[in-house]
Amino acid sequence: MTDETNDHDLPELTTPDPMTPKRRALIDGMVWRGLKLTEAAIEAGMTERNARMCAQDPKFRAALNVEMAAFKASQRPRNVHRLAELRDQNEAKGAAVQAIRVLEDLAQQADAAPPSDVRPGIVVIISRDYLQPEPFGSGAQIMFSDNRDEGEE
């Protein structure tokens, strides 16, 4: 059995990936291994100057920020475990009390946080051309939205 594919069946890449393997290695070294920029550059096979130039590139910074967010999210469970360890130890009572407070605050925040930003209600957009002069009932909000308003001033 042969695997035949036609070029027209494959999806086209709209933009090439701006992150080269060296740039990815630079980010990995800084984010996941905690290296300084110069140390991560050496390990990635880059010059220090090239690494500094990368740090000025908006696409590189965006990729760095995405990786930092992933790193922070991956550390959160461990942070809670460390707080529990501090709570359970007997040497530093002040640290134990503070850990209890933080754990309780985290629990309250998790309970109070809404599952999403969706709020109950209905939004009706009525073009000015079709607006009736009488109101639609009590409690209704009327918002005027017209594409012509955006460009005129």
N, C-alpha and C. Protein backbone atom coordinates (compact mmCIF):
# COMPACT_ATOMS: atom_id res chain seq x y z
N MET A 1 0.85 -1.17 0.00
CA MET A 1 0.00 0.00 0.00
C MET A 1 0.89 1.23 0.00
N THR A 2 0.62 2.16 -0.87
CA THR A 2 1.43 3.38 -0.94
C THR A 2 0.61 4.55 -0.44
N ASP A 3 1.29 5.47 0.17
CA ASP A 3 0.65 6.67 0.69
C ASP A 3 0.83 7.78 -0.32
N GLU A 4 -0.23 8.10 -1.03
CA GLU A 4 -0.14 9.13 -2.04
C GLU A 4 -0.91 10.36 -1.57
N THR A 5 -0.26 11.51 -1.66
CA THR A 5 -0.94 12.76 -1.34
C THR A 5 -0.69 13.73 -2.47
N ASN A 6 -1.66 14.51 -2.73
CA ASN A 6 -1.53 15.56 -3.73
C ASN A 6 -1.21 16.87 -3.03
N ASP A 7 -0.41 17.69 -3.67
CA ASP A 7 -0.03 18.96 -3.07
C ASP A 7 -1.23 19.85 -2.80
N HIS A 8 -2.26 19.75 -3.65
CA HIS A 8 -3.42 20.61 -3.44
C HIS A 8 -4.26 20.16 -2.25
N ASP A 9 -4.03 18.94 -1.73
CA ASP A 9 -4.76 18.46 -0.56
C ASP A 9 -4.14 18.94 0.74
N LEU A 10 -2.89 19.38 0.71
CA LEU A 10 -2.19 19.81 1.92
C LEU A 10 -2.50 21.27 2.21
N PRO A 11 -2.65 21.62 3.49
CA PRO A 11 -2.91 23.02 3.81
C PRO A 11 -1.68 23.87 3.55
N GLU A 12 -1.91 25.08 3.09
CA GLU A 12 -0.80 25.99 2.84
C GLU A 12 -0.45 26.74 4.11
N LEU A 13 0.84 26.90 4.36
CA LEU A 13 1.27 27.72 5.48
C LEU A 13 1.22 29.17 5.04
N THR A 14 0.51 29.98 5.79
CA THR A 14 0.36 31.37 5.39
C THR A 14 1.62 32.18 5.69
N THR A 15 2.21 31.95 6.85
CA THR A 15 3.45 32.66 7.18
C THR A 15 4.44 31.66 7.73
N PRO A 16 5.70 31.79 7.38
CA PRO A 16 6.68 30.87 7.94
C PRO A 16 6.91 31.17 9.42
N ASP A 17 7.33 30.18 10.15
CA ASP A 17 7.60 30.32 11.58
C ASP A 17 8.82 31.23 11.76
N PRO A 18 8.66 32.37 12.44
CA PRO A 18 9.79 33.28 12.61
C PRO A 18 10.81 32.79 13.64
N MET A 19 10.45 31.77 14.38
CA MET A 19 11.33 31.27 15.44
C MET A 19 12.24 30.18 14.89
N THR A 20 13.50 30.50 14.81
CA THR A 20 14.49 29.52 14.36
C THR A 20 14.80 28.58 15.52
N PRO A 21 15.41 27.45 15.25
CA PRO A 21 15.77 26.54 16.35
C PRO A 21 16.67 27.21 17.40
N LYS A 22 17.56 28.09 16.96
CA LYS A 22 18.42 28.79 17.94
C LYS A 22 17.61 29.73 18.82
N ARG A 23 16.65 30.41 18.22
CA ARG A 23 15.80 31.30 19.02
C ARG A 23 14.96 30.50 20.01
N ARG A 24 14.45 29.37 19.57
CA ARG A 24 13.68 28.52 20.49
C ARG A 24 14.56 28.01 21.62
N ALA A 25 15.80 27.64 21.29
CA ALA A 25 16.73 27.17 22.32
C ALA A 25 17.06 28.30 23.29
N LEU A 26 17.15 29.52 22.80
CA LEU A 26 17.41 30.69 23.66
C LEU A 26 16.27 30.87 24.65
N ILE A 27 15.05 30.79 24.15
CA ILE A 27 13.88 30.93 25.03
C ILE A 27 13.82 29.79 26.03
N ASP A 28 14.04 28.57 25.57
CA ASP A 28 14.00 27.42 26.49
C ASP A 28 15.03 27.56 27.61
N GLY A 29 16.22 28.00 27.25
CA GLY A 29 17.26 28.18 28.27
C GLY A 29 16.89 29.23 29.30
N MET A 30 16.34 30.34 28.83
CA MET A 30 15.99 31.41 29.76
C MET A 30 14.77 31.06 30.61
N VAL A 31 13.74 30.50 29.98
CA VAL A 31 12.49 30.27 30.69
C VAL A 31 12.53 29.00 31.54
N TRP A 32 12.85 27.88 30.92
CA TRP A 32 12.72 26.60 31.61
C TRP A 32 13.93 26.23 32.45
N ARG A 33 15.09 26.81 32.12
CA ARG A 33 16.29 26.46 32.88
C ARG A 33 16.81 27.62 33.72
N GLY A 34 16.21 28.80 33.57
CA GLY A 34 16.56 29.94 34.41
C GLY A 34 17.91 30.56 34.09
N LEU A 35 18.39 30.40 32.87
CA LEU A 35 19.69 30.94 32.50
C LEU A 35 19.57 32.43 32.18
N LYS A 36 20.67 33.15 32.39
CA LYS A 36 20.73 34.55 31.97
C LYS A 36 20.79 34.57 30.45
N LEU A 37 20.49 35.73 29.87
CA LEU A 37 20.47 35.86 28.42
C LEU A 37 21.81 35.44 27.80
N THR A 38 22.90 35.87 28.39
CA THR A 38 24.22 35.55 27.81
C THR A 38 24.51 34.05 27.91
N GLU A 39 24.17 33.43 29.03
CA GLU A 39 24.39 31.99 29.19
C GLU A 39 23.52 31.18 28.23
N ALA A 40 22.24 31.61 28.10
CA ALA A 40 21.33 30.90 27.19
C ALA A 40 21.80 31.06 25.75
N ALA A 41 22.36 32.23 25.42
CA ALA A 41 22.85 32.46 24.06
C ALA A 41 24.00 31.52 23.73
N ILE A 42 24.93 31.36 24.66
CA ILE A 42 26.08 30.47 24.44
C ILE A 42 25.59 29.04 24.22
N GLU A 43 24.67 28.60 25.06
CA GLU A 43 24.15 27.23 24.91
C GLU A 43 23.35 27.05 23.63
N ALA A 44 22.72 28.13 23.15
CA ALA A 44 21.94 28.04 21.91
C ALA A 44 22.82 28.19 20.67
N GLY A 45 24.10 28.50 20.88
CA GLY A 45 25.00 28.66 19.74
C GLY A 45 24.91 30.04 19.11
N MET A 46 24.55 31.04 19.89
CA MET A 46 24.41 32.40 19.39
C MET A 46 25.45 33.29 20.05
N THR A 47 25.69 34.42 19.43
CA THR A 47 26.54 35.42 20.08
C THR A 47 25.67 36.22 21.05
N GLU A 48 26.31 36.85 22.00
CA GLU A 48 25.57 37.67 22.97
C GLU A 48 24.85 38.82 22.25
N ARG A 49 25.50 39.40 21.28
CA ARG A 49 24.90 40.51 20.51
C ARG A 49 23.66 40.03 19.78
N ASN A 50 23.74 38.87 19.15
CA ASN A 50 22.59 38.32 18.43
C ASN A 50 21.43 38.06 19.39
N ALA A 51 21.73 37.57 20.57
CA ALA A 51 20.69 37.32 21.57
C ALA A 51 20.02 38.62 22.00
N ARG A 52 20.83 39.68 22.18
CA ARG A 52 20.25 40.97 22.54
C ARG A 52 19.37 41.51 21.42
N MET A 53 19.78 41.28 20.18
CA MET A 53 18.96 41.71 19.04
C MET A 53 17.65 40.92 18.99
N CYS A 54 17.72 39.64 19.32
CA CYS A 54 16.50 38.82 19.38
C CYS A 54 15.54 39.38 20.42
N ALA A 55 16.10 39.80 21.55
CA ALA A 55 15.27 40.30 22.64
C ALA A 55 14.55 41.58 22.26
N GLN A 56 15.00 42.26 21.22
CA GLN A 56 14.34 43.49 20.76
C GLN A 56 13.26 43.19 19.72
N ASP A 57 13.23 41.99 19.19
CA ASP A 57 12.27 41.63 18.15
C ASP A 57 10.90 41.37 18.77
N PRO A 58 9.84 42.05 18.31
CA PRO A 58 8.51 41.85 18.90
C PRO A 58 8.00 40.42 18.78
N LYS A 59 8.31 39.73 17.69
CA LYS A 59 7.85 38.33 17.54
C LYS A 59 8.57 37.43 18.55
N PHE A 60 9.84 37.70 18.78
CA PHE A 60 10.59 36.93 19.77
C PHE A 60 10.03 37.19 21.16
N ARG A 61 9.77 38.46 21.48
CA ARG A 61 9.22 38.80 22.80
C ARG A 61 7.85 38.16 23.00
N ALA A 62 7.04 38.13 21.93
CA ALA A 62 5.72 37.50 22.04
C ALA A 62 5.87 36.01 22.33
N ALA A 63 6.80 35.34 21.65
CA ALA A 63 7.03 33.92 21.90
C ALA A 63 7.57 33.71 23.31
N LEU A 64 8.44 34.61 23.76
CA LEU A 64 8.98 34.54 25.13
C LEU A 64 7.86 34.68 26.15
N ASN A 65 6.94 35.62 25.92
CA ASN A 65 5.83 35.82 26.85
C ASN A 65 4.90 34.62 26.90
N VAL A 66 4.67 33.99 25.76
CA VAL A 66 3.83 32.78 25.73
C VAL A 66 4.50 31.67 26.54
N GLU A 67 5.80 31.52 26.35
CA GLU A 67 6.53 30.47 27.08
C GLU A 67 6.57 30.77 28.58
N MET A 68 6.71 32.06 28.93
CA MET A 68 6.70 32.44 30.35
C MET A 68 5.34 32.13 30.99
N ALA A 69 4.26 32.39 30.26
CA ALA A 69 2.93 32.08 30.78
C ALA A 69 2.78 30.58 31.01
N ALA A 70 3.31 29.78 30.09
CA ALA A 70 3.25 28.33 30.26
C ALA A 70 4.07 27.89 31.47
N PHE A 71 5.24 28.51 31.65
CA PHE A 71 6.09 28.17 32.79
C PHE A 71 5.39 28.52 34.11
N LYS A 72 4.81 29.72 34.17
CA LYS A 72 4.11 30.14 35.39
C LYS A 72 2.96 29.19 35.70
N ALA A 73 2.19 28.83 34.68
CA ALA A 73 1.07 27.91 34.90
C ALA A 73 1.55 26.55 35.37
N SER A 74 2.70 26.12 34.88
CA SER A 74 3.20 24.81 35.28
C SER A 74 3.72 24.81 36.72
N GLN A 75 4.05 25.98 37.25
CA GLN A 75 4.57 26.08 38.61
C GLN A 75 3.48 26.21 39.67
N ARG A 76 2.29 26.59 39.27
CA ARG A 76 1.23 26.84 40.23
C ARG A 76 0.91 25.64 41.11
N PRO A 77 0.76 24.43 40.58
CA PRO A 77 0.46 23.31 41.48
C PRO A 77 1.56 23.08 42.51
N ARG A 78 2.80 23.23 42.09
CA ARG A 78 3.92 23.02 43.02
C ARG A 78 3.92 24.09 44.11
N ASN A 79 3.55 25.31 43.74
CA ASN A 79 3.49 26.39 44.72
C ASN A 79 2.48 26.09 45.82
N VAL A 80 1.36 25.53 45.44
CA VAL A 80 0.34 25.17 46.44
C VAL A 80 0.87 24.08 47.36
N HIS A 81 1.58 23.11 46.80
CA HIS A 81 2.17 22.06 47.64
C HIS A 81 3.19 22.64 48.61
N ARG A 82 3.99 23.59 48.14
CA ARG A 82 4.99 24.22 49.02
C ARG A 82 4.31 25.01 50.14
N LEU A 83 3.21 25.69 49.80
CA LEU A 83 2.46 26.38 50.85
C LEU A 83 1.93 25.39 51.89
N ALA A 84 1.46 24.24 51.43
CA ALA A 84 0.98 23.22 52.37
C ALA A 84 2.12 22.71 53.25
N GLU A 85 3.32 22.57 52.68
CA GLU A 85 4.47 22.15 53.48
C GLU A 85 4.81 23.20 54.53
N LEU A 86 4.77 24.47 54.16
CA LEU A 86 5.03 25.54 55.12
C LEU A 86 3.97 25.57 56.21
N ARG A 87 2.73 25.32 55.82
CA ARG A 87 1.65 25.28 56.80
C ARG A 87 1.87 24.16 57.82
N ASP A 88 2.37 23.01 57.36
CA ASP A 88 2.48 21.83 58.21
C ASP A 88 3.76 21.79 59.06
N GLN A 89 4.71 22.66 58.80
CA GLN A 89 5.96 22.63 59.57
C GLN A 89 5.77 23.34 60.91
N ASN A 90 6.65 23.05 61.87
CA ASN A 90 6.52 23.58 63.24
C ASN A 90 7.63 24.54 63.63
N GLU A 91 8.62 24.76 62.78
CA GLU A 91 9.75 25.61 63.15
C GLU A 91 9.40 27.09 63.08
N ALA A 92 8.80 27.54 62.00
CA ALA A 92 8.48 28.95 61.81
C ALA A 92 6.96 29.11 61.85
N LYS A 93 6.46 29.43 63.01
CA LYS A 93 5.00 29.52 63.20
C LYS A 93 4.39 30.65 62.36
N GLY A 94 5.12 31.76 62.22
CA GLY A 94 4.61 32.88 61.42
C GLY A 94 4.44 32.49 59.97
N ALA A 95 5.40 31.73 59.44
CA ALA A 95 5.31 31.27 58.06
C ALA A 95 4.13 30.32 57.89
N ALA A 96 3.87 29.51 58.92
CA ALA A 96 2.74 28.58 58.85
C ALA A 96 1.42 29.34 58.81
N VAL A 97 1.31 30.36 59.65
CA VAL A 97 0.08 31.15 59.68
C VAL A 97 -0.12 31.87 58.34
N GLN A 98 0.95 32.45 57.81
CA GLN A 98 0.85 33.15 56.52
C GLN A 98 0.48 32.18 55.39
N ALA A 99 1.05 30.99 55.42
CA ALA A 99 0.72 29.99 54.40
C ALA A 99 -0.76 29.61 54.48
N ILE A 100 -1.29 29.49 55.68
CA ILE A 100 -2.71 29.19 55.85
C ILE A 100 -3.56 30.30 55.25
N ARG A 101 -3.18 31.55 55.52
CA ARG A 101 -3.93 32.69 54.97
C ARG A 101 -3.92 32.67 53.44
N VAL A 102 -2.76 32.44 52.86
CA VAL A 102 -2.66 32.43 51.40
C VAL A 102 -3.48 31.28 50.82
N LEU A 103 -3.39 30.10 51.43
CA LEU A 103 -4.18 28.96 50.94
C LEU A 103 -5.68 29.25 51.02
N GLU A 104 -6.11 29.87 52.11
CA GLU A 104 -7.52 30.21 52.25
C GLU A 104 -7.94 31.25 51.22
N ASP A 105 -7.09 32.25 50.98
CA ASP A 105 -7.38 33.25 49.95
C ASP A 105 -7.50 32.62 48.57
N LEU A 106 -6.60 31.69 48.27
CA LEU A 106 -6.65 31.01 46.98
C LEU A 106 -7.95 30.22 46.84
N ALA A 107 -8.37 29.57 47.91
CA ALA A 107 -9.61 28.80 47.88
C ALA A 107 -10.82 29.72 47.66
N GLN A 108 -10.83 30.87 48.34
CA GLN A 108 -11.94 31.81 48.17
C GLN A 108 -11.97 32.39 46.76
N GLN A 109 -10.80 32.69 46.21
CA GLN A 109 -10.75 33.21 44.84
C GLN A 109 -11.26 32.18 43.85
N ALA A 110 -10.90 30.93 44.06
CA ALA A 110 -11.35 29.87 43.15
C ALA A 110 -12.87 29.69 43.24
N ASP A 111 -13.42 29.80 44.46
CA ASP A 111 -14.86 29.65 44.63
C ASP A 111 -15.62 30.85 44.07
N ALA A 112 -15.06 32.04 44.17
CA ALA A 112 -15.75 33.26 43.75
C ALA A 112 -15.62 33.54 42.26
N ALA A 113 -14.63 32.96 41.62
CA ALA A 113 -14.39 33.26 40.20
C ALA A 113 -15.51 32.68 39.35
N PRO A 114 -16.08 33.50 38.49
CA PRO A 114 -17.09 32.96 37.58
C PRO A 114 -16.44 32.02 36.58
N PRO A 115 -17.18 31.03 36.09
CA PRO A 115 -16.58 30.08 35.16
C PRO A 115 -16.16 30.72 33.85
N SER A 116 -16.76 31.85 33.48
CA SER A 116 -16.39 32.53 32.25
C SER A 116 -16.82 33.98 32.33
N ASP A 117 -16.53 34.72 31.31
CA ASP A 117 -16.92 36.12 31.26
C ASP A 117 -18.32 36.31 30.69
N VAL A 118 -19.02 35.23 30.45
CA VAL A 118 -20.36 35.30 29.88
C VAL A 118 -21.32 35.76 30.98
N ARG A 119 -22.10 36.78 30.65
CA ARG A 119 -23.10 37.28 31.60
C ARG A 119 -24.49 37.05 31.02
N PRO A 120 -25.46 36.84 31.88
CA PRO A 120 -26.81 36.61 31.36
C PRO A 120 -27.36 37.87 30.71
N GLY A 121 -28.17 37.69 29.71
CA GLY A 121 -28.80 38.82 29.05
C GLY A 121 -28.80 38.65 27.55
N ILE A 122 -29.43 39.58 26.90
CA ILE A 122 -29.54 39.55 25.45
C ILE A 122 -29.12 40.91 24.92
N VAL A 123 -28.35 40.92 23.88
CA VAL A 123 -27.96 42.15 23.22
C VAL A 123 -28.63 42.17 21.86
N VAL A 124 -29.39 43.22 21.61
CA VAL A 124 -30.05 43.39 20.33
C VAL A 124 -29.50 44.65 19.71
N ILE A 125 -28.98 44.54 18.51
CA ILE A 125 -28.46 45.70 17.81
C ILE A 125 -29.47 46.07 16.73
N ILE A 126 -29.96 47.30 16.82
CA ILE A 126 -30.99 47.76 15.89
C ILE A 126 -30.40 48.91 15.09
N SER A 127 -30.45 48.79 13.79
CA SER A 127 -29.98 49.86 12.93
C SER A 127 -30.92 51.05 13.06
N ARG A 128 -30.41 52.25 12.95
CA ARG A 128 -31.24 53.45 13.08
C ARG A 128 -32.35 53.49 12.04
N ASP A 129 -32.12 52.89 10.90
CA ASP A 129 -33.13 52.89 9.84
C ASP A 129 -34.41 52.16 10.25
N TYR A 130 -34.28 51.21 11.16
CA TYR A 130 -35.42 50.39 11.55
C TYR A 130 -35.92 50.67 12.96
N LEU A 131 -35.42 51.70 13.62
CA LEU A 131 -35.79 51.99 15.00
C LEU A 131 -37.21 52.55 15.06
N GLN A 132 -38.02 51.98 15.93
CA GLN A 132 -39.38 52.46 16.13
C GLN A 132 -39.34 53.54 17.21
N PRO A 133 -40.23 54.53 17.16
CA PRO A 133 -40.17 55.62 18.13
C PRO A 133 -40.56 55.20 19.54
N GLU A 134 -41.42 54.20 19.72
CA GLU A 134 -41.82 53.83 21.08
C GLU A 134 -40.82 52.83 21.67
N PRO A 135 -40.64 52.87 23.01
CA PRO A 135 -39.70 51.94 23.67
C PRO A 135 -40.21 50.51 23.61
N PHE A 136 -39.31 49.58 23.77
CA PHE A 136 -39.63 48.16 23.67
C PHE A 136 -40.11 47.54 24.97
N GLY A 137 -40.20 48.28 26.02
CA GLY A 137 -40.63 47.74 27.30
C GLY A 137 -39.68 48.14 28.39
N SER A 138 -40.09 47.92 29.60
CA SER A 138 -39.26 48.33 30.72
C SER A 138 -38.03 47.44 30.84
N GLY A 139 -36.93 48.05 31.18
CA GLY A 139 -35.70 47.31 31.38
C GLY A 139 -34.90 47.06 30.12
N ALA A 140 -35.44 47.43 28.96
CA ALA A 140 -34.72 47.19 27.71
C ALA A 140 -33.72 48.31 27.50
N GLN A 141 -32.56 47.95 27.00
CA GLN A 141 -31.55 48.93 26.66
C GLN A 141 -31.46 49.00 25.15
N ILE A 142 -31.37 50.22 24.65
CA ILE A 142 -31.22 50.39 23.22
C ILE A 142 -29.84 50.97 22.96
N MET A 143 -29.07 50.28 22.15
CA MET A 143 -27.74 50.75 21.80
C MET A 143 -27.75 51.05 20.31
N PHE A 144 -27.29 52.23 19.93
CA PHE A 144 -27.22 52.58 18.53
C PHE A 144 -25.87 52.16 17.99
N SER A 145 -25.91 51.41 16.94
CA SER A 145 -24.69 50.99 16.28
C SER A 145 -24.90 51.10 14.79
N ASP A 146 -24.03 51.82 14.16
CA ASP A 146 -24.17 52.01 12.74
C ASP A 146 -22.78 52.11 12.15
N ASN A 147 -22.50 51.32 11.14
CA ASN A 147 -21.17 51.34 10.53
C ASN A 147 -20.81 52.73 10.02
N ARG A 148 -21.84 53.52 9.67
CA ARG A 148 -21.56 54.85 9.15
C ARG A 148 -21.01 55.76 10.23
N ASP A 149 -21.31 55.49 11.51
CA ASP A 149 -20.84 56.33 12.61
C ASP A 149 -19.34 56.21 12.83
N GLU A 150 -18.76 55.07 12.50
CA GLU A 150 -17.35 54.82 12.82
C GLU A 150 -16.43 55.71 12.01
N GLY A 151 -16.73 55.97 10.75
CA GLY A 151 -15.84 56.72 9.89
C GLY A 151 -16.10 58.21 9.89
N GLU A 152 -17.25 58.65 10.33
CA GLU A 152 -17.61 60.06 10.27
C GLU A 152 -17.19 60.79 11.54
N GLU A 153 -16.68 61.99 11.38
CA GLU A 153 -16.40 62.85 12.52
C GLU A 153 -16.22 64.23 12.06
